[in-house]
Every structure is written in structure tokens, then in C-alpha cells.
Amino acid sequence: MSEPLMVNIELDYSEIKNILDNHASRESTKRLLRTELSRLEALKKSFTNKATKTIPTEAELIPLSNFAWDQTDKFVKIYLSLDDVKEPFEDHSIKLIFPDESSFRIVLGRYKFTLTKLHEKINTQESYFKRTKSKIVIYLKKKREANWSNIQYSKPTTVYDEKDKEDPDADPSTALMSLMKKMYQEGDDEMKRTIAKSWYEAQHKKEPEIDLP
């Protein structure tokens, strides 16, 4: 029940009570007015009970995990389907919370959705949400206008090849030649020209000859 409706109930109650106390004379009219007053009192009580209902604690909130996202130059948009929310909730119970510039949480009645370690920092002051009939859309304002490759930050991983492991007993010059051969085989044209030039200069300095692959 909305607050404007509660105000109307209070006004109706006061007006009907005034008529009952000061103007109604016929018993049948008084009975009708008392019945209406009882109905309005029940509505007032129902509204008060809902308004004072205990707010769920963090531990009682039900986590949501399904979401979709996309982005523009300025915003990242998070989509939450209301099909996953099994209990109705009022707009005033929606809370968008930012613990810091890299995470957020939104509370939807007895449900919550959280994302931490966002790909980049966001402007919390200019971030907001919208509710439609079928979903909640959260607009996260990018602090820097750049494309996000993912919604959350992840450290770049380095692939370690066991073949590249250095042999502590190997001849340093042999290891260097092996490395240069590998760089030549895997490099682009510019890299190959640079390495070929180095080999040429090394040969003319009478250093150990290296066979090109």
C-alpha cells in the first residue's frame, strides 16, 4: 500500500467519523457508517503492520546469481530478471549499495545481488538502477571511458612451458643460441631480420657459427 493511499484512508476515516458523531440521526445510516469505519481501521492496521515489518538481516537475504551485462562507452549495464525473485517487493525496498568503487550490491526485498572486483573503477555517484515489469537494470558509470573485456577483473595468466626451463649445468652460449633459434622460428619478419643481422655480425667476429633454421 502506498503512502498517498494511506493519507486518503485517514481523510476518509476522519470525515466519516465526523458525520457519524455530529450529523447522522437514523440508526440504519449509523450502522453503515460504523461498518465503513471498521473497514478503514482494518486497512490502516494492515498498512501499519507492513510498514513496521522487520527488515531482513544480511544473513537472511537470498543471493541471486544469474545476470547478463553489456556496455556503452560510458556505462556498464547489469540485467537481473525478476523471474528469479519469488517474493514481491516494493520499489522503496530496493537499495543500491557501493562498498567501494570496484563493487556493488543491490537489495530487492528479501533478495540480494553482489558483484565485487569489477574490471575497472566506477563512478558511484552517477550510477543508478531502473525497474521494469520483467527486470532490474543497473547502470554503472565508468570512471574511465574504455571497453571492458570482462565484467570482473582477472590477473593475466602466463603460460609456462616446461621446455623453457633452464638447465643450470648447460653452457650459457649454447642456451643463448637455442633461445635465439626459438625466437627466430616464432618471430615475425622484423624479428627474423634483426636476428639474422645479429648472426651475420657474430659470424664475422668469428663467434660460434649458428645454422639458420
Foldseek 3Di string as FASTA:
>chain_A
DDPVVLVVLVVVLVVLVCCLVPPDDDPVSNVVSVVVNVVSVVVNVVVVCVVPPDQDDPVQAAEDDDWDWDDDQWKIKIKDWCVVVPDAADPVQWDWADPAQAWIKIGGRRYIYIDGQFQAGFDPVPWDWDDDPTIIMTITTHPHRDDRPDGHHDDDDDDDDPVLDDDPPDDPVVNVLVVLQVCCVPDDPVSVVVSVVVQVVCVVVVHDHHDHD
